[in-house]
PDB file of N, CA and C in Angstrom:
ATOM      1  N   UNK A   1     -12.707 -15.252 -18.783  1.00  0.00           N
ATOM      2  CA  UNK A   1     -12.326 -15.717 -17.450  1.00  0.00           C
ATOM      3  C   UNK A   1     -10.832 -15.553 -17.228  1.00  0.00           C
ATOM      4  N   UNK A   2     -10.038 -15.731 -18.287  1.00  0.00           N
ATOM      5  CA  UNK A   2      -8.589 -15.563 -18.147  1.00  0.00           C
ATOM      6  C   UNK A   2      -8.248 -14.154 -17.708  1.00  0.00           C
ATOM      7  N   UNK A   3      -9.041 -13.182 -18.178  1.00  0.00           N
ATOM      8  CA  UNK A   3      -8.791 -11.800 -17.795  1.00  0.00           C
ATOM      9  C   UNK A   3      -8.936 -11.622 -16.276  1.00  0.00           C
ATOM     10  N   UNK A   4      -9.941 -12.251 -15.684  1.00  0.00           N
ATOM     11  CA  UNK A   4     -10.126 -12.168 -14.239  1.00  0.00           C
ATOM     12  C   UNK A   4      -8.951 -12.796 -13.509  1.00  0.00           C
ATOM     13  N   UNK A   5      -8.429 -13.900 -14.062  1.00  0.00           N
ATOM     14  CA  UNK A   5      -7.268 -14.549 -13.464  1.00  0.00           C
ATOM     15  C   UNK A   5      -6.038 -13.680 -13.534  1.00  0.00           C
ATOM     16  N   UNK A   6      -5.850 -13.004 -14.649  1.00  0.00           N
ATOM     17  CA  UNK A   6      -4.714 -12.083 -14.790  1.00  0.00           C
ATOM     18  C   UNK A   6      -4.852 -10.910 -13.825  1.00  0.00           C
ATOM     19  N   UNK A   7      -6.059 -10.395 -13.693  1.00  0.00           N
ATOM     20  CA  UNK A   7      -6.302  -9.283 -12.761  1.00  0.00           C
ATOM     21  C   UNK A   7      -5.970  -9.708 -11.338  1.00  0.00           C
ATOM     22  N   UNK A   8      -6.381 -10.925 -10.967  1.00  0.00           N
ATOM     23  CA  UNK A   8      -6.077 -11.442  -9.634  1.00  0.00           C
ATOM     24  C   UNK A   8      -4.579 -11.563  -9.401  1.00  0.00           C
ATOM     25  N   UNK A   9      -3.856 -12.001 -10.422  1.00  0.00           N
ATOM     26  CA  UNK A   9      -2.400 -12.111 -10.315  1.00  0.00           C
ATOM     27  C   UNK A   9      -1.764 -10.729 -10.142  1.00  0.00           C
ATOM     28  N   UNK A  10      -2.283  -9.755 -10.865  1.00  0.00           N
ATOM     29  CA  UNK A  10      -1.774  -8.383 -10.756  1.00  0.00           C
ATOM     30  C   UNK A  10      -1.986  -7.844  -9.346  1.00  0.00           C
ATOM     31  N   UNK A  11      -3.190  -8.033  -8.818  1.00  0.00           N
ATOM     32  CA  UNK A  11      -3.498  -7.528  -7.475  1.00  0.00           C
ATOM     33  C   UNK A  11      -2.655  -8.235  -6.418  1.00  0.00           C
ATOM     34  N   UNK A  12      -2.469  -9.542  -6.574  1.00  0.00           N
ATOM     35  CA  UNK A  12      -1.638 -10.290  -5.636  1.00  0.00           C
ATOM     36  C   UNK A  12      -0.185  -9.825  -5.712  1.00  0.00           C
ATOM     37  N   UNK A  13       0.302  -9.554  -6.906  1.00  0.00           N
ATOM     38  CA  UNK A  13       1.679  -9.068  -7.069  1.00  0.00           C
ATOM     39  C   UNK A  13       1.868  -7.729  -6.351  1.00  0.00           C
ATOM     40  N   UNK A  14       0.874  -6.850  -6.447  1.00  0.00           N
ATOM     41  CA  UNK A  14       0.963  -5.552  -5.758  1.00  0.00           C
ATOM     42  C   UNK A  14       0.971  -5.762  -4.251  1.00  0.00           C
ATOM     43  N   UNK A  15       0.043  -6.565  -3.754  1.00  0.00           N
ATOM     44  CA  UNK A  15      -0.023  -6.833  -2.309  1.00  0.00           C
ATOM     45  C   UNK A  15       1.303  -7.404  -1.824  1.00  0.00           C
ATOM     46  N   UNK A  16       1.807  -8.406  -2.507  1.00  0.00           N
ATOM     47  CA  UNK A  16       3.056  -9.047  -2.093  1.00  0.00           C
ATOM     48  C   UNK A  16       4.225  -8.066  -2.112  1.00  0.00           C
ATOM     49  N   UNK A  17       4.275  -7.191  -3.112  1.00  0.00           N
ATOM     50  CA  UNK A  17       5.366  -6.214  -3.197  1.00  0.00           C
ATOM     51  C   UNK A  17       5.313  -5.217  -2.049  1.00  0.00           C
ATOM     52  N   UNK A  18       4.131  -4.685  -1.764  1.00  0.00           N
ATOM     53  CA  UNK A  18       4.005  -3.678  -0.699  1.00  0.00           C
ATOM     54  C   UNK A  18       4.257  -4.317   0.665  1.00  0.00           C
ATOM     55  N   UNK A  19       3.660  -5.471   0.923  1.00  0.00           N
ATOM     56  CA  UNK A  19       3.890  -6.171   2.194  1.00  0.00           C
ATOM     57  C   UNK A  19       5.364  -6.536   2.318  1.00  0.00           C
ATOM     58  N   UNK A  20       5.973  -6.976   1.219  1.00  0.00           N
ATOM     59  CA  UNK A  20       7.385  -7.350   1.234  1.00  0.00           C
ATOM     60  C   UNK A  20       8.297  -6.184   1.579  1.00  0.00           C
ATOM     61  N   UNK A  21       7.992  -4.999   1.047  1.00  0.00           N
ATOM     62  CA  UNK A  21       8.812  -3.828   1.384  1.00  0.00           C
ATOM     63  C   UNK A  21       8.642  -3.442   2.852  1.00  0.00           C
ATOM     64  N   UNK A  22       7.431  -3.558   3.355  1.00  0.00           N
ATOM     65  CA  UNK A  22       7.216  -3.298   4.787  1.00  0.00           C
ATOM     66  C   UNK A  22       8.031  -4.293   5.614  1.00  0.00           C
ATOM     67  N   UNK A  23       7.988  -5.559   5.223  1.00  0.00           N
ATOM     68  CA  UNK A  23       8.732  -6.592   5.960  1.00  0.00           C
ATOM     69  C   UNK A  23      10.233  -6.306   5.916  1.00  0.00           C
ATOM     70  N   UNK A  24      10.717  -5.942   4.748  1.00  0.00           N
ATOM     71  CA  UNK A  24      12.141  -5.668   4.581  1.00  0.00           C
ATOM     72  C   UNK A  24      12.612  -4.516   5.469  1.00  0.00           C
ATOM     73  N   UNK A  25      11.841  -3.458   5.547  1.00  0.00           N
ATOM     74  CA  UNK A  25      12.297  -2.265   6.257  1.00  0.00           C
ATOM     75  C   UNK A  25      11.846  -2.191   7.716  1.00  0.00           C
ATOM     76  N   UNK A  26      10.723  -2.824   8.062  1.00  0.00           N
ATOM     77  CA  UNK A  26      10.244  -2.796   9.450  1.00  0.00           C
ATOM     78  C   UNK A  26      10.559  -4.077  10.211  1.00  0.00           C
ATOM     79  N   UNK A  27      11.019  -5.100   9.507  1.00  0.00           N
ATOM     80  CA  UNK A  27      11.309  -6.355  10.181  1.00  0.00           C
ATOM     81  C   UNK A  27      10.106  -7.271  10.270  1.00  0.00           C
ATOM     82  N   UNK A  28       8.967  -6.793   9.816  1.00  0.00           N
ATOM     83  CA  UNK A  28       7.762  -7.624   9.725  1.00  0.00           C
ATOM     84  C   UNK A  28       6.805  -6.940   8.771  1.00  0.00           C
ATOM     85  N   UNK A  29       6.009  -7.751   8.118  1.00  0.00           N
ATOM     86  CA  UNK A  29       4.989  -7.220   7.221  1.00  0.00           C
ATOM     87  C   UNK A  29       3.629  -7.321   7.866  1.00  0.00           C
ATOM     88  N   UNK A  30       2.639  -6.863   7.163  1.00  0.00           N
ATOM     89  CA  UNK A  30       1.264  -6.986   7.639  1.00  0.00           C
ATOM     90  C   UNK A  30       0.898  -8.470   7.713  1.00  0.00           C
ATOM     91  N   UNK A  31       0.004  -8.811   8.630  1.00  0.00           N
ATOM     92  CA  UNK A  31      -0.444 -10.200   8.690  1.00  0.00           C
ATOM     93  C   UNK A  31      -1.493 -10.482   7.623  1.00  0.00           C
ATOM     94  N   UNK A  32      -2.099  -9.405   7.099  1.00  0.00           N
ATOM     95  CA  UNK A  32      -3.083  -9.574   6.030  1.00  0.00           C
ATOM     96  C   UNK A  32      -3.048  -8.352   5.136  1.00  0.00           C
ATOM     97  N   UNK A  33      -3.092  -8.575   3.851  1.00  0.00           N
ATOM     98  CA  UNK A  33      -3.130  -7.484   2.894  1.00  0.00           C
ATOM     99  C   UNK A  33      -4.106  -7.791   1.782  1.00  0.00           C
ATOM    100  N   UNK A  34      -4.659  -6.742   1.228  1.00  0.00           N
ATOM    101  CA  UNK A  34      -5.598  -6.910   0.115  1.00  0.00           C
ATOM    102  C   UNK A  34      -5.484  -5.691  -0.782  1.00  0.00           C
ATOM    103  N   UNK A  35      -5.484  -5.926  -2.072  1.00  0.00           N
ATOM    104  CA  UNK A  35      -5.412  -4.843  -3.045  1.00  0.00           C
ATOM    105  C   UNK A  35      -6.637  -4.891  -3.929  1.00  0.00           C
ATOM    106  N   UNK A  36      -7.216  -3.718  -4.139  1.00  0.00           N
ATOM    107  CA  UNK A  36      -8.345  -3.604  -5.055  1.00  0.00           C
ATOM    108  C   UNK A  36      -7.994  -2.560  -6.108  1.00  0.00           C
ATOM    109  N   UNK A  37      -8.580  -2.704  -7.278  1.00  0.00           N
ATOM    110  CA  UNK A  37      -8.315  -1.774  -8.377  1.00  0.00           C
ATOM    111  C   UNK A  37      -9.607  -1.499  -9.109  1.00  0.00           C
ATOM    112  N   UNK A  38      -9.835  -0.238  -9.358  1.00  0.00           N
ATOM    113  CA  UNK A  38     -10.979   0.157 -10.163  1.00  0.00           C
ATOM    114  C   UNK A  38     -10.576   1.337 -11.024  1.00  0.00           C
ATOM    115  N   UNK A  39     -10.771   1.209 -12.301  1.00  0.00           N
ATOM    116  CA  UNK A  39     -10.396   2.224 -13.276  1.00  0.00           C
ATOM    117  C   UNK A  39      -8.972   2.710 -13.047  1.00  0.00           C
ATOM    118  N   UNK A  40      -8.814   3.937 -12.558  1.00  0.00           N
ATOM    119  CA  UNK A  40      -7.487   4.542 -12.415  1.00  0.00           C
ATOM    120  C   UNK A  40      -6.982   4.553 -10.973  1.00  0.00           C
ATOM    121  N   UNK A  41      -7.534   3.700 -10.131  1.00  0.00           N
ATOM    122  CA  UNK A  41      -7.189   3.708  -8.719  1.00  0.00           C
ATOM    123  C   UNK A  41      -6.830   2.312  -8.240  1.00  0.00           C
ATOM    124  N   UNK A  42      -5.765   2.257  -7.459  1.00  0.00           N
ATOM    125  CA  UNK A  42      -5.341   1.017  -6.814  1.00  0.00           C
ATOM    126  C   UNK A  42      -5.225   1.322  -5.325  1.00  0.00           C
ATOM    127  N   UNK A  43      -5.843   0.486  -4.499  1.00  0.00           N
ATOM    128  CA  UNK A  43      -5.747   0.675  -3.055  1.00  0.00           C
ATOM    129  C   UNK A  43      -5.300  -0.631  -2.414  1.00  0.00           C
ATOM    130  N   UNK A  44      -4.228  -0.535  -1.652  1.00  0.00           N
ATOM    131  CA  UNK A  44      -3.695  -1.669  -0.917  1.00  0.00           C
ATOM    132  C   UNK A  44      -3.970  -1.412   0.568  1.00  0.00           C
ATOM    133  N   UNK A  45      -4.671  -2.333   1.209  1.00  0.00           N
ATOM    134  CA  UNK A  45      -5.000  -2.229   2.628  1.00  0.00           C
ATOM    135  C   UNK A  45      -4.206  -3.292   3.370  1.00  0.00           C
ATOM    136  N   UNK A  46      -3.470  -2.861   4.376  1.00  0.00           N
ATOM    137  CA  UNK A  46      -2.639  -3.765   5.165  1.00  0.00           C
ATOM    138  C   UNK A  46      -3.131  -3.766   6.607  1.00  0.00           C
ATOM    139  N   UNK A  47      -3.352  -4.950   7.150  1.00  0.00           N
ATOM    140  CA  UNK A  47      -3.820  -5.098   8.532  1.00  0.00           C
ATOM    141  C   UNK A  47      -2.702  -5.603   9.424  1.00  0.00           C
ATOM    142  N   UNK A  48      -2.749  -5.207  10.702  1.00  0.00           N
ATOM    143  CA  UNK A  48      -1.790  -5.668  11.714  1.00  0.00           C
ATOM    144  C   UNK A  48      -0.373  -5.324  11.264  1.00  0.00           C
ATOM    145  N   UNK A  49      -0.100  -4.026  11.164  1.00  0.00           N
ATOM    146  CA  UNK A  49       1.142  -3.544  10.546  1.00  0.00           C
ATOM    147  C   UNK A  49       2.266  -3.216  11.518  1.00  0.00           C
ATOM    148  N   UNK A  50       1.942  -2.943  12.767  1.00  0.00           N
ATOM    149  CA  UNK A  50       2.947  -2.386  13.671  1.00  0.00           C
ATOM    150  C   UNK A  50       3.883  -3.442  14.252  1.00  0.00           C
ATOM    151  N   UNK A  51       5.158  -3.055  14.367  1.00  0.00           N
ATOM    152  CA  UNK A  51       6.122  -3.936  15.015  1.00  0.00           C
ATOM    153  C   UNK A  51       6.016  -3.761  16.539  1.00  0.00           C
ATOM    154  N   UNK A  52       6.761  -4.535  17.294  1.00  0.00           N
ATOM    155  CA  UNK A  52       6.642  -4.508  18.769  1.00  0.00           C
ATOM    156  C   UNK A  52       6.976  -3.142  19.352  1.00  0.00           C
ATOM    157  N   UNK A  53       8.012  -2.488  18.835  1.00  0.00           N
ATOM    158  CA  UNK A  53       8.382  -1.162  19.358  1.00  0.00           C
ATOM    159  C   UNK A  53       7.257  -0.159  19.119  1.00  0.00           C
ATOM    160  N   UNK A  54       6.691  -0.168  17.916  1.00  0.00           N
ATOM    161  CA  UNK A  54       5.593   0.750  17.615  1.00  0.00           C
ATOM    162  C   UNK A  54       4.364   0.441  18.469  1.00  0.00           C
ATOM    163  N   UNK A  55       4.052  -0.842  18.617  1.00  0.00           N
ATOM    164  CA  UNK A  55       2.892  -1.232  19.428  1.00  0.00           C
ATOM    165  C   UNK A  55       3.086  -0.787  20.874  1.00  0.00           C
ATOM    166  N   UNK A  56       4.312  -0.872  21.391  1.00  0.00           N
ATOM    167  CA  UNK A  56       4.605  -0.410  22.752  1.00  0.00           C
ATOM    168  C   UNK A  56       4.344   1.093  22.873  1.00  0.00           C
ATOM    169  N   UNK A  57       4.792   1.851  21.893  1.00  0.00           N
ATOM    170  CA  UNK A  57       4.553   3.305  21.894  1.00  0.00           C
ATOM    171  C   UNK A  57       3.061   3.618  21.795  1.00  0.00           C
ATOM    172  N   UNK A  58       2.359   2.929  20.923  1.00  0.00           N
ATOM    173  CA  UNK A  58       0.921   3.151  20.764  1.00  0.00           C
ATOM    174  C   UNK A  58       0.191   2.855  22.067  1.00  0.00           C
ATOM    175  N   UNK A  59       0.531   1.735  22.700  1.00  0.00           N
ATOM    176  CA  UNK A  59      -0.099   1.356  23.968  1.00  0.00           C
ATOM    177  C   UNK A  59       0.187   2.371  25.072  1.00  0.00           C
ATOM    178  N   UNK A  60       1.292   3.109  24.939  1.00  0.00           N
ATOM    179  CA  UNK A  60       1.650   4.133  25.925  1.00  0.00           C
ATOM    180  C   UNK A  60       1.065   5.505  25.561  1.00  0.00           C
ATOM    181  N   UNK A  61       0.193   5.536  24.552  1.00  0.00           N
ATOM    182  CA  UNK A  61      -0.448   6.795  24.179  1.00  0.00           C
ATOM    183  C   UNK A  61       0.377   7.665  23.238  1.00  0.00           C
ATOM    184  N   UNK A  62       1.337   7.086  22.542  1.00  0.00           N
ATOM    185  CA  UNK A  62       2.236   7.859  21.678  1.00  0.00           C
ATOM    186  C   UNK A  62       2.016   7.566  20.199  1.00  0.00           C
ATOM    187  N   UNK A  63       0.756   7.355  19.811  1.00  0.00           N
ATOM    188  CA  UNK A  63       0.456   7.030  18.417  1.00  0.00           C
ATOM    189  C   UNK A  63       0.902   8.126  17.455  1.00  0.00           C
ATOM    190  N   UNK A  64       0.765   9.385  17.820  1.00  0.00           N
ATOM    191  CA  UNK A  64       1.131  10.466  16.899  1.00  0.00           C
ATOM    192  C   UNK A  64       2.588  10.368  16.462  1.00  0.00           C
ATOM    193  N   UNK A  65       3.481   9.987  17.388  1.00  0.00           N
ATOM    194  CA  UNK A  65       4.891   9.818  17.024  1.00  0.00           C
ATOM    195  C   UNK A  65       5.066   8.662  16.038  1.00  0.00           C
ATOM    196  N   UNK A  66       4.370   7.565  16.297  1.00  0.00           N
ATOM    197  CA  UNK A  66       4.431   6.414  15.401  1.00  0.00           C
ATOM    198  C   UNK A  66       3.865   6.799  14.036  1.00  0.00           C
ATOM    199  N   UNK A  67       2.739   7.497  14.033  1.00  0.00           N
ATOM    200  CA  UNK A  67       2.106   7.920  12.787  1.00  0.00           C
ATOM    201  C   UNK A  67       3.048   8.800  11.967  1.00  0.00           C
ATOM    202  N   UNK A  68       3.682   9.758  12.602  1.00  0.00           N
ATOM    203  CA  UNK A  68       4.597  10.652  11.877  1.00  0.00           C
ATOM    204  C   UNK A  68       5.783   9.884  11.295  1.00  0.00           C
ATOM    205  N   UNK A  69       6.314   8.936  12.045  1.00  0.00           N
ATOM    206  CA  UNK A  69       7.424   8.125  11.533  1.00  0.00           C
ATOM    207  C   UNK A  69       6.960   7.265  10.351  1.00  0.00           C
ATOM    208  N   UNK A  70       5.779   6.674  10.473  1.00  0.00           N
ATOM    209  CA  UNK A  70       5.234   5.849   9.388  1.00  0.00           C
ATOM    210  C   UNK A  70       4.995   6.689   8.136  1.00  0.00           C
ATOM    211  N   UNK A  71       4.421   7.865   8.304  1.00  0.00           N
ATOM    212  CA  UNK A  71       4.148   8.720   7.150  1.00  0.00           C
ATOM    213  C   UNK A  71       5.440   9.194   6.493  1.00  0.00           C
ATOM    214  N   UNK A  72       6.455   9.469   7.299  1.00  0.00           N
ATOM    215  CA  UNK A  72       7.760   9.850   6.736  1.00  0.00           C
ATOM    216  C   UNK A  72       8.342   8.684   5.942  1.00  0.00           C
ATOM    217  N   UNK A  73       8.207   7.470   6.475  1.00  0.00           N
ATOM    218  CA  UNK A  73       8.678   6.278   5.761  1.00  0.00           C
ATOM    219  C   UNK A  73       7.931   6.125   4.440  1.00  0.00           C
ATOM    220  N   UNK A  74       6.608   6.219   4.490  1.00  0.00           N
ATOM    221  CA  UNK A  74       5.810   6.028   3.290  1.00  0.00           C
ATOM    222  C   UNK A  74       6.118   7.102   2.244  1.00  0.00           C
ATOM    223  N   UNK A  75       6.363   8.317   2.692  1.00  0.00           N
ATOM    224  CA  UNK A  75       6.752   9.389   1.777  1.00  0.00           C
ATOM    225  C   UNK A  75       8.092   9.055   1.115  1.00  0.00           C
ATOM    226  N   UNK A  76       9.019   8.555   1.915  1.00  0.00           N
ATOM    227  CA  UNK A  76      10.341   8.172   1.410  1.00  0.00           C
ATOM    228  C   UNK A  76      10.250   7.001   0.435  1.00  0.00           C
ATOM    229  N   UNK A  77       9.317   6.100   0.670  1.00  0.00           N
ATOM    230  CA  UNK A  77       9.173   4.900  -0.153  1.00  0.00           C
ATOM    231  C   UNK A  77       8.262   5.095  -1.366  1.00  0.00           C
ATOM    232  N   UNK A  78       7.720   6.281  -1.555  1.00  0.00           N
ATOM    233  CA  UNK A  78       6.761   6.514  -2.636  1.00  0.00           C
ATOM    234  C   UNK A  78       7.261   6.008  -3.991  1.00  0.00           C
ATOM    235  N   UNK A  79       8.500   6.312  -4.325  1.00  0.00           N
ATOM    236  CA  UNK A  79       9.025   5.908  -5.629  1.00  0.00           C
ATOM    237  C   UNK A  79       9.077   4.379  -5.760  1.00  0.00           C
ATOM    238  N   UNK A  80       9.532   3.699  -4.708  1.00  0.00           N
ATOM    239  CA  UNK A  80       9.608   2.223  -4.752  1.00  0.00           C
ATOM    240  C   UNK A  80       8.222   1.596  -4.799  1.00  0.00           C
ATOM    241  N   UNK A  81       7.315   2.105  -3.950  1.00  0.00           N
ATOM    242  CA  UNK A  81       5.945   1.587  -3.957  1.00  0.00           C
ATOM    243  C   UNK A  81       5.329   1.781  -5.338  1.00  0.00           C
ATOM    244  N   UNK A  82       5.481   2.986  -5.888  1.00  0.00           N
ATOM    245  CA  UNK A  82       4.890   3.300  -7.197  1.00  0.00           C
ATOM    246  C   UNK A  82       5.481   2.429  -8.296  1.00  0.00           C
ATOM    247  N   UNK A  83       6.769   2.196  -8.239  1.00  0.00           N
ATOM    248  CA  UNK A  83       7.421   1.353  -9.252  1.00  0.00           C
ATOM    249  C   UNK A  83       6.837  -0.054  -9.231  1.00  0.00           C
ATOM    250  N   UNK A  84       6.589  -0.588  -8.041  1.00  0.00           N
ATOM    251  CA  UNK A  84       6.004  -1.924  -7.930  1.00  0.00           C
ATOM    252  C   UNK A  84       4.617  -1.964  -8.569  1.00  0.00           C
ATOM    253  N   UNK A  85       3.828  -0.926  -8.351  1.00  0.00           N
ATOM    254  CA  UNK A  85       2.483  -0.866  -8.939  1.00  0.00           C
ATOM    255  C   UNK A  85       2.581  -0.706 -10.457  1.00  0.00           C
ATOM    256  N   UNK A  86       3.502   0.122 -10.907  1.00  0.00           N
ATOM    257  CA  UNK A  86       3.680   0.318 -12.344  1.00  0.00           C
ATOM    258  C   UNK A  86       4.096  -0.976 -13.032  1.00  0.00           C
ATOM    259  N   UNK A  87       5.002  -1.714 -12.407  1.00  0.00           N
ATOM    260  CA  UNK A  87       5.455  -2.982 -12.988  1.00  0.00           C
ATOM    261  C   UNK A  87       4.316  -3.991 -13.050  1.00  0.00           C
ATOM    262  N   UNK A  88       3.483  -4.022 -12.024  1.00  0.00           N
ATOM    263  CA  UNK A  88       2.390  -4.989 -11.984  1.00  0.00           C
ATOM    264  C   UNK A  88       1.258  -4.631 -12.942  1.00  0.00           C
ATOM    265  N   UNK A  89       0.975  -3.338 -13.073  1.00  0.00           N
ATOM    266  CA  UNK A  89      -0.179  -2.915 -13.881  1.00  0.00           C
ATOM    267  C   UNK A  89       0.190  -2.528 -15.310  1.00  0.00           C
ATOM    268  N   UNK A  90       1.453  -2.188 -15.538  1.00  0.00           N
ATOM    269  CA  UNK A  90       1.860  -1.687 -16.841  1.00  0.00           C
ATOM    270  C   UNK A  90       1.406  -0.260 -17.083  1.00  0.00           C
ATOM    271  N   UNK A  91       1.031   0.433 -16.025  1.00  0.00           N
ATOM    272  CA  UNK A  91       0.548   1.822 -16.126  1.00  0.00           C
ATOM    273  C   UNK A  91       1.348   2.714 -15.191  1.00  0.00           C
ATOM    274  N   UNK A  92       1.445   3.986 -15.560  1.00  0.00           N
ATOM    275  CA  UNK A  92       2.203   4.945 -14.780  1.00  0.00           C
ATOM    276  C   UNK A  92       1.391   5.436 -13.578  1.00  0.00           C
ATOM    277  N   UNK A  93       2.036   5.495 -12.412  1.00  0.00           N
ATOM    278  CA  UNK A  93       1.426   6.069 -11.211  1.00  0.00           C
ATOM    279  C   UNK A  93       1.650   7.571 -11.248  1.00  0.00           C
ATOM    280  N   UNK A  94       0.559   8.342 -11.128  1.00  0.00           N
ATOM    281  CA  UNK A  94       0.655   9.807 -11.160  1.00  0.00           C
ATOM    282  C   UNK A  94       0.359  10.442  -9.808  1.00  0.00           C
ATOM    283  N   UNK A  95      -0.044   9.635  -8.836  1.00  0.00           N
ATOM    284  CA  UNK A  95      -0.311  10.152  -7.498  1.00  0.00           C
ATOM    285  C   UNK A  95      -0.263   9.037  -6.476  1.00  0.00           C
ATOM    286  N   UNK A  96       0.087   9.409  -5.251  1.00  0.00           N
ATOM    287  CA  UNK A  96       0.211   8.430  -4.170  1.00  0.00           C
ATOM    288  C   UNK A  96      -0.291   9.065  -2.878  1.00  0.00           C
ATOM    289  N   UNK A  97      -1.117   8.340  -2.164  1.00  0.00           N
ATOM    290  CA  UNK A  97      -1.622   8.763  -0.858  1.00  0.00           C
ATOM    291  C   UNK A  97      -1.425   7.612   0.114  1.00  0.00           C
ATOM    292  N   UNK A  98      -1.143   7.940   1.368  1.00  0.00           N
ATOM    293  CA  UNK A  98      -0.911   6.903   2.360  1.00  0.00           C
ATOM    294  C   UNK A  98      -1.448   7.360   3.708  1.00  0.00           C
ATOM    295  N   UNK A  99      -1.953   6.409   4.475  1.00  0.00           N
ATOM    296  CA  UNK A  99      -2.477   6.743   5.797  1.00  0.00           C
ATOM    297  C   UNK A  99      -2.359   5.530   6.711  1.00  0.00           C
ATOM    298  N   UNK A 100      -2.222   5.783   8.003  1.00  0.00           N
ATOM    299  CA  UNK A 100      -2.190   4.729   9.010  1.00  0.00           C
ATOM    300  C   UNK A 100      -3.170   5.053  10.126  1.00  0.00           C
ATOM    301  N   UNK A 101      -3.634   4.012  10.794  1.00  0.00           N
ATOM    302  CA  UNK A 101      -4.517   4.141  11.954  1.00  0.00           C
ATOM    303  C   UNK A 101      -4.015   3.201  13.040  1.00  0.00           C
ATOM    304  N   UNK A 102      -4.310   3.557  14.276  1.00  0.00           N
ATOM    305  CA  UNK A 102      -3.958   2.671  15.387  1.00  0.00           C
ATOM    306  C   UNK A 102      -5.095   1.704  15.682  1.00  0.00           C
ATOM    307  N   UNK A 103      -6.322   2.189  15.572  1.00  0.00           N
ATOM    308  CA  UNK A 103      -7.480   1.364  15.884  1.00  0.00           C
ATOM    309  C   UNK A 103      -8.563   1.655  14.860  1.00  0.00           C
ATOM    310  N   UNK A 104      -8.739   0.837  13.856  1.00  0.00           N
ATOM    311  CA  UNK A 104      -8.086  -0.455  13.689  1.00  0.00           C
ATOM    312  C   UNK A 104      -6.634  -0.301  13.232  1.00  0.00           C
ATOM    313  N   UNK A 105      -5.852  -1.318  13.471  1.00  0.00           N
ATOM    314  CA  UNK A 105      -4.436  -1.381  13.119  1.00  0.00           C
ATOM    315  C   UNK A 105      -4.350  -1.619  11.614  1.00  0.00           C
ATOM    316  N   UNK A 106      -4.301  -0.525  10.852  1.00  0.00           N
ATOM    317  CA  UNK A 106      -4.403  -0.636   9.407  1.00  0.00           C
ATOM    318  C   UNK A 106      -3.627   0.482   8.711  1.00  0.00           C
ATOM    319  N   UNK A 107      -3.159   0.159   7.517  1.00  0.00           N
ATOM    320  CA  UNK A 107      -2.499   1.130   6.654  1.00  0.00           C
ATOM    321  C   UNK A 107      -3.143   1.038   5.284  1.00  0.00           C
ATOM    322  N   UNK A 108      -3.277   2.179   4.612  1.00  0.00           N
ATOM    323  CA  UNK A 108      -3.757   2.176   3.231  1.00  0.00           C
ATOM    324  C   UNK A 108      -2.734   2.872   2.354  1.00  0.00           C
ATOM    325  N   UNK A 109      -2.479   2.268   1.223  1.00  0.00           N
ATOM    326  CA  UNK A 109      -1.606   2.848   0.208  1.00  0.00           C
ATOM    327  C   UNK A 109      -2.474   2.986  -1.038  1.00  0.00           C
ATOM    328  N   UNK A 110      -2.668   4.210  -1.483  1.00  0.00           N
ATOM    329  CA  UNK A 110      -3.547   4.470  -2.622  1.00  0.00           C
ATOM    330  C   UNK A 110      -2.718   5.045  -3.761  1.00  0.00           C
ATOM    331  N   UNK A 111      -2.901   4.473  -4.924  1.00  0.00           N
ATOM    332  CA  UNK A 111      -2.163   4.895  -6.113  1.00  0.00           C
ATOM    333  C   UNK A 111      -3.151   5.372  -7.168  1.00  0.00           C
ATOM    334  N   UNK A 112      -2.877   6.532  -7.744  1.00  0.00           N
ATOM    335  CA  UNK A 112      -3.680   7.049  -8.838  1.00  0.00           C
ATOM    336  C   UNK A 112      -2.897   6.782 -10.117  1.00  0.00           C
ATOM    337  N   UNK A 113      -3.532   6.086 -11.040  1.00  0.00           N
ATOM    338  CA  UNK A 113      -2.880   5.698 -12.281  1.00  0.00           C
ATOM    339  C   UNK A 113      -3.217   6.686 -13.394  1.00  0.00           C
ATOM    340  N   UNK A 114      -2.270   6.840 -14.288  1.00  0.00           N
ATOM    341  CA  UNK A 114      -2.529   7.628 -15.490  1.00  0.00           C
ATOM    342  C   UNK A 114      -3.629   6.905 -16.275  1.00  0.00           C
ATOM    343  N   UNK A 115      -4.629   7.636 -16.734  1.00  0.00           N
ATOM    344  CA  UNK A 115      -5.710   6.964 -17.464  1.00  0.00           C
ATOM    345  C   UNK A 115      -5.168   6.237 -18.691  1.00  0.00           C
ATOM    346  N   UNK A 116      -5.737   5.040 -18.930  1.00  0.00           N
ATOM    347  CA  UNK A 116      -5.414   4.337 -20.165  1.00  0.00           C
ATOM    348  C   UNK A 116      -6.533   4.624 -21.154  1.00  0.00           C
ATOM    349  N   UNK A 117      -6.465   4.062 -22.326  1.00  0.00           N
ATOM    350  CA  UNK A 117      -7.477   4.325 -23.357  1.00  0.00           C
ATOM    351  C   UNK A 117      -8.866   3.924 -22.950  1.00  0.00           C
ATOM    352  N   UNK A 118      -8.988   2.871 -22.110  1.00  0.00           N
ATOM    353  CA  UNK A 118     -10.306   2.370 -21.713  1.00  0.00           C
ATOM    354  C   UNK A 118     -10.929   3.169 -20.582  1.00  0.00           C
ATOM    355  N   UNK A 119     -10.094   3.884 -19.797  1.00  0.00           N
ATOM    356  CA  UNK A 119     -10.648   4.566 -18.617  1.00  0.00           C
ATOM    357  C   UNK A 119     -10.471   6.072 -18.677  1.00  0.00           C
ATOM    358  N   UNK A 120      -9.990   6.589 -19.798  1.00  0.00           N
ATOM    359  CA  UNK A 120      -9.801   8.032 -19.924  1.00  0.00           C
ATOM    360  C   UNK A 120     -11.162   8.731 -19.950  1.00  0.00           C
ATOM    361  N   UNK A 121     -11.257   9.930 -19.344  1.00  0.00           N
ATOM    362  CA  UNK A 121     -12.515  10.660 -19.376  1.00  0.00           C
ATOM    363  C   UNK A 121     -12.935  10.947 -20.816  1.00  0.00           C
ATOM    364  N   UNK A 122     -14.186  10.888 -21.073  1.00  0.00           N
ATOM    365  CA  UNK A 122     -14.707  11.121 -22.425  1.00  0.00           C
ATOM    366  C   UNK A 122     -15.156  12.554 -22.602  1.00  0.00           C
TER     367      UNK A 122
END
């Protein structure tokens, strides 16, 4: 049971780190975040991510501009995001994928981890 508690702490640490970086750089974080992990994959889902300026642009039909700016930000933040996941999991991140949507208002940050001894292909 302690292992499940440690896993929960790890997932919460990842969620808090990613939401915290969004808050630091965008002036607000997601209103809800959740991180799941299975084998060599970590996925952080953030809901209600857009700030007022972005929401104004989206409402005016300019989501593509917001999306491109968000993707450029996420690309720029890859090293910081990955470091947070590495610190929480104790494993090296070997890949990063990111995506945003306007409807639903959601962002996903996906991290591919270097296989450990328990999850390496046989």
